C-alpha atoms as a PDB file:
ATOM      1  CA  MET A   1     -32.656-136.362 -29.825  1.00  0.00           C
ATOM      2  CA  THR A   2     -34.258-135.476 -33.143  1.00  0.00           C
ATOM      3  CA  PHE A   3     -37.788-134.206 -33.914  1.00  0.00           C
ATOM      4  CA  THR A   4     -39.125-134.056 -37.376  1.00  0.00           C
ATOM      5  CA  TYR A   5     -42.631-132.504 -37.691  1.00  0.00           C
ATOM      6  CA  ARG A   6     -45.001-130.672 -39.947  1.00  0.00           C
ATOM      7  CA  LEU A   7     -45.986-127.132 -38.848  1.00  0.00           C
ATOM      8  CA  SER A   8     -49.532-128.351 -38.305  1.00  0.00           C
ATOM      9  CA  ASP A   9     -48.143-130.522 -35.534  1.00  0.00           C
ATOM     10  CA  ILE A  10     -46.400-127.713 -33.672  1.00  0.00           C
ATOM     11  CA  GLU A  11     -48.458-128.177 -30.479  1.00  0.00           C
ATOM     12  CA  SER A  12     -47.557-131.746 -29.882  1.00  0.00           C
ATOM     13  CA  THR A  13     -43.943-131.114 -30.911  1.00  0.00           C
ATOM     14  CA  ALA A  14     -43.582-128.270 -28.454  1.00  0.00           C
ATOM     15  CA  SER A  15     -45.156-130.503 -25.719  1.00  0.00           C
ATOM     16  CA  GLN A  16     -42.610-133.360 -26.524  1.00  0.00           C
ATOM     17  CA  ILE A  17     -39.683-130.873 -26.507  1.00  0.00           C
ATOM     18  CA  LEU A  18     -40.688-129.553 -23.085  1.00  0.00           C
ATOM     19  CA  LYS A  19     -40.604-133.154 -21.757  1.00  0.00           C
ATOM     20  CA  TYR A  20     -36.982-133.576 -22.805  1.00  0.00           C
ATOM     21  CA  VAL A  21     -35.256-130.210 -22.217  1.00  0.00           C
ATOM     22  CA  LYS A  22     -33.329-130.190 -19.063  1.00  0.00           C
ATOM     23  CA  SER A  23     -32.303-126.527 -18.757  1.00  0.00           C
ATOM     24  CA  LYS A  24     -34.305-123.328 -18.196  1.00  0.00           C
ATOM     25  CA  ASN A  25     -31.978-121.756 -20.802  1.00  0.00           C
ATOM     26  CA  ILE A  26     -32.861-122.866 -24.334  1.00  0.00           C
ATOM     27  CA  LEU A  27     -30.844-121.745 -27.362  1.00  0.00           C
ATOM     28  CA  PHE A  28     -32.542-121.771 -30.757  1.00  0.00           C
ATOM     29  CA  SER A  29     -30.117-122.030 -33.735  1.00  0.00           C
ATOM     30  CA  GLY A  30     -31.111-122.143 -37.402  1.00  0.00           C
ATOM     31  CA  GLU A  31     -31.332-120.192 -40.577  1.00  0.00           C
ATOM     32  CA  MET A  32     -33.937-117.426 -41.057  1.00  0.00           C
ATOM     33  CA  GLY A  33     -37.339-118.998 -41.644  1.00  0.00           C
ATOM     34  CA  SER A  34     -36.457-122.295 -40.072  1.00  0.00           C
ATOM     35  CA  GLY A  35     -39.116-122.146 -37.385  1.00  0.00           C
ATOM     36  CA  LYS A  36     -37.500-120.878 -34.299  1.00  0.00           C
ATOM     37  CA  THR A  37     -39.921-118.054 -33.518  1.00  0.00           C
ATOM     38  CA  THR A  38     -42.894-120.221 -34.397  1.00  0.00           C
ATOM     39  CA  LEU A  39     -41.851-122.885 -31.937  1.00  0.00           C
ATOM     40  CA  ILE A  40     -41.120-120.177 -29.204  1.00  0.00           C
ATOM     41  CA  LYS A  41     -44.727-118.890 -29.679  1.00  0.00           C
ATOM     42  CA  GLU A  42     -46.090-122.363 -28.988  1.00  0.00           C
ATOM     43  CA  LEU A  43     -43.745-122.954 -25.990  1.00  0.00           C
ATOM     44  CA  VAL A  44     -44.740-119.605 -24.432  1.00  0.00           C
ATOM     45  CA  LYS A  45     -48.307-120.585 -24.942  1.00  0.00           C
ATOM     46  CA  GLN A  46     -47.900-123.829 -23.266  1.00  0.00           C
ATOM     47  CA  SER A  47     -46.270-122.049 -20.281  1.00  0.00           C
ATOM     48  CA  GLY A  48     -49.771-120.626 -19.716  1.00  0.00           C
ATOM     49  CA  SER A  49     -49.051-117.181 -21.008  1.00  0.00           C
ATOM     50  CA  LYS A  50     -51.822-115.190 -22.648  1.00  0.00           C
ATOM     51  CA  ASP A  51     -49.303-112.552 -23.931  1.00  0.00           C
ATOM     52  CA  ARG A  52     -48.882-111.955 -27.688  1.00  0.00           C
ATOM     53  CA  VAL A  53     -45.470-113.435 -28.699  1.00  0.00           C
ATOM     54  CA  SER A  54     -43.345-111.649 -31.225  1.00  0.00           C
ATOM     55  CA  SER A  55     -39.722-111.696 -32.117  1.00  0.00           C
ATOM     56  CA  PRO A  56     -37.854-109.088 -30.153  1.00  0.00           C
ATOM     57  CA  THR A  57     -35.573-108.268 -33.132  1.00  0.00           C
ATOM     58  CA  TYR A  58     -35.394-104.627 -32.371  1.00  0.00           C
ATOM     59  CA  SER A  59     -35.879-104.537 -28.622  1.00  0.00           C
ATOM     60  CA  LEU A  60     -33.552-107.595 -28.163  1.00  0.00           C
ATOM     61  CA  VAL A  61     -35.711-109.011 -25.289  1.00  0.00           C
ATOM     62  CA  ASN A  62     -39.408-109.536 -24.666  1.00  0.00           C
ATOM     63  CA  GLU A  63     -40.842-110.773 -21.362  1.00  0.00           C
ATOM     64  CA  TYR A  64     -43.973-113.036 -21.184  1.00  0.00           C
ATOM     65  CA  GLU A  65     -45.840-113.924 -18.045  1.00  0.00           C
ATOM     66  CA  GLY A  66     -46.609-117.663 -17.635  1.00  0.00           C
ATOM     67  CA  ILE A  67     -48.820-119.199 -14.950  1.00  0.00           C
ATOM     68  CA  THR A  68     -45.819-120.007 -12.617  1.00  0.00           C
ATOM     69  CA  ASN A  69     -42.812-118.297 -14.263  1.00  0.00           C
ATOM     70  CA  SER A  70     -41.776-115.643 -16.753  1.00  0.00           C
ATOM     71  CA  VAL A  71     -40.095-116.297 -20.000  1.00  0.00           C
ATOM     72  CA  TYR A  72     -37.351-113.971 -21.285  1.00  0.00           C
ATOM     73  CA  HIS A  73     -37.198-114.203 -25.118  1.00  0.00           C
ATOM     74  CA  PHE A  74     -34.031-112.802 -26.724  1.00  0.00           C
ATOM     75  CA  ASP A  75     -33.280-112.305 -30.433  1.00  0.00           C
ATOM     76  CA  PHE A  76     -29.697-111.321 -31.159  1.00  0.00           C
ATOM     77  CA  TYR A  77     -29.988-111.373 -34.937  1.00  0.00           C
ATOM     78  CA  ARG A  78     -29.314-107.587 -35.304  1.00  0.00           C
ATOM     79  CA  ILE A  79     -26.480-107.081 -32.770  1.00  0.00           C
ATOM     80  CA  GLU A  80     -23.030-106.336 -34.161  1.00  0.00           C
ATOM     81  CA  ASP A  81     -21.054-107.230 -31.126  1.00  0.00           C
ATOM     82  CA  GLU A  82     -21.738-109.356 -28.142  1.00  0.00           C
ATOM     83  CA  LEU A  83     -20.871-106.363 -25.896  1.00  0.00           C
ATOM     84  CA  GLU A  84     -24.305-104.997 -26.757  1.00  0.00           C
ATOM     85  CA  ALA A  85     -25.847-107.979 -24.999  1.00  0.00           C
ATOM     86  CA  TYR A  86     -23.520-107.619 -22.057  1.00  0.00           C
ATOM     87  CA  ASP A  87     -24.389-103.915 -21.787  1.00  0.00           C
ATOM     88  CA  MET A  88     -28.060-104.588 -21.722  1.00  0.00           C
ATOM     89  CA  GLY A  89     -27.520-106.811 -18.602  1.00  0.00           C
ATOM     90  CA  PHE A  90     -28.000-110.166 -20.405  1.00  0.00           C
ATOM     91  CA  GLU A  91     -26.125-112.041 -17.725  1.00  0.00           C
ATOM     92  CA  GLU A  92     -28.629-110.850 -15.031  1.00  0.00           C
ATOM     93  CA  TYR A  93     -31.401-112.491 -16.988  1.00  0.00           C
ATOM     94  CA  LEU A  94     -29.435-115.776 -17.002  1.00  0.00           C
ATOM     95  CA  ASP A  95     -29.037-115.497 -13.262  1.00  0.00           C
ATOM     96  CA  SER A  96     -32.822-115.280 -12.765  1.00  0.00           C
ATOM     97  CA  SER A  97     -35.012-118.351 -12.043  1.00  0.00           C
ATOM     98  CA  HIS A  98     -37.070-117.644 -15.186  1.00  0.00           C
ATOM     99  CA  GLN A  99     -36.953-119.476 -18.541  1.00  0.00           C
ATOM    100  CA  VAL A 100     -34.639-117.832 -21.128  1.00  0.00           C
ATOM    101  CA  PHE A 101     -35.092-118.393 -24.809  1.00  0.00           C
ATOM    102  CA  ILE A 102     -32.244-117.193 -26.980  1.00  0.00           C
ATOM    103  CA  GLU A 103     -32.535-116.860 -30.754  1.00  0.00           C
ATOM    104  CA  TRP A 104     -29.310-116.377 -32.782  1.00  0.00           C
ATOM    105  CA  PRO A 105     -27.003-117.523 -29.893  1.00  0.00           C
ATOM    106  CA  GLU A 106     -24.170-117.614 -32.428  1.00  0.00           C
ATOM    107  CA  LYS A 107     -23.916-113.906 -32.136  1.00  0.00           C
ATOM    108  CA  ILE A 108     -23.001-114.112 -28.426  1.00  0.00           C
ATOM    109  CA  PRO A 109     -20.601-117.186 -28.258  1.00  0.00           C
ATOM    110  CA  ASN A 110     -18.850-115.999 -25.120  1.00  0.00           C
ATOM    111  CA  LEU A 111     -22.013-115.339 -23.140  1.00  0.00           C
ATOM    112  CA  TRP A 112     -23.685-118.829 -23.383  1.00  0.00           C
ATOM    113  CA  PRO A 113     -24.826-120.053 -20.063  1.00  0.00           C
ATOM    114  CA  GLN A 114     -22.936-122.950 -18.437  1.00  0.00           C
ATOM    115  CA  HIS A 115     -25.943-125.293 -18.704  1.00  0.00           C
ATOM    116  CA  TYR A 116     -28.349-125.060 -21.674  1.00  0.00           C
ATOM    117  CA  SER A 117     -30.423-127.016 -24.075  1.00  0.00           C
ATOM    118  CA  LEU A 118     -29.612-126.364 -27.756  1.00  0.00           C
ATOM    119  CA  LEU A 119     -32.225-126.723 -30.387  1.00  0.00           C
ATOM    120  CA  GLU A 120     -30.875-126.741 -33.954  1.00  0.00           C
ATOM    121  CA  PHE A 121     -33.451-126.162 -36.642  1.00  0.00           C
ATOM    122  CA  THR A 122     -33.514-127.221 -40.334  1.00  0.00           C
ATOM    123  CA  ALA A 123     -36.293-126.402 -42.749  1.00  0.00           C
ATOM    124  CA  GLU A 124     -36.810-129.550 -44.830  1.00  0.00           C
ATOM    125  CA  ASP A 125     -39.487-127.960 -47.024  1.00  0.00           C
ATOM    126  CA  GLU A 126     -42.150-125.293 -46.519  1.00  0.00           C
ATOM    127  CA  GLN A 127     -44.093-127.305 -44.013  1.00  0.00           C
ATOM    128  CA  THR A 128     -41.556-129.743 -42.491  1.00  0.00           C
ATOM    129  CA  ARG A 129     -38.906-128.988 -39.847  1.00  0.00           C
ATOM    130  CA  THR A 130     -36.181-130.961 -38.078  1.00  0.00           C
ATOM    131  CA  ILE A 131     -34.934-130.090 -34.719  1.00  0.00           C
ATOM    132  CA  VAL A 132     -31.895-131.616 -33.044  1.00  0.00           C
ATOM    133  CA  LEU A 133     -31.928-131.299 -29.237  1.00  0.00           C
ATOM    134  CA  THR A 134     -28.610-131.441 -27.451  1.00  0.00           C
ATOM    135  CA  GLU A 135     -28.034-130.854 -23.726  1.00  0.00           C
ATOM    136  CA  PHE A 136     -24.955-129.116 -22.230  1.00  0.00           C
END
């Protein structure tokens, strides 16, 4: 499924994506600046969280409290080896019942969950993004 949207329509796009994703594990793939973190901020907001969302580039993971569930937000951009993710207990997060959002999953190819939703981002121009959703 493909979504093309303007950044001003991020709320409705996030709502539509939530209707179609089938997994609690969502992988966000795309170039720097393609809109991954922007969409995650809106998805967390729509989960009912009042937490301030920021990319966990240095901490690797942020946790946000939603109304009924937590969201674990990973950013693996800066890791050099997927052993860093393994050493931090990444697999334990996957085993939880909480939602797991993973930016830069390409950095941890051997640690992807068995079932996941993959969102692949493309920046069409400064205000327009395309996301391809694939379920695995």
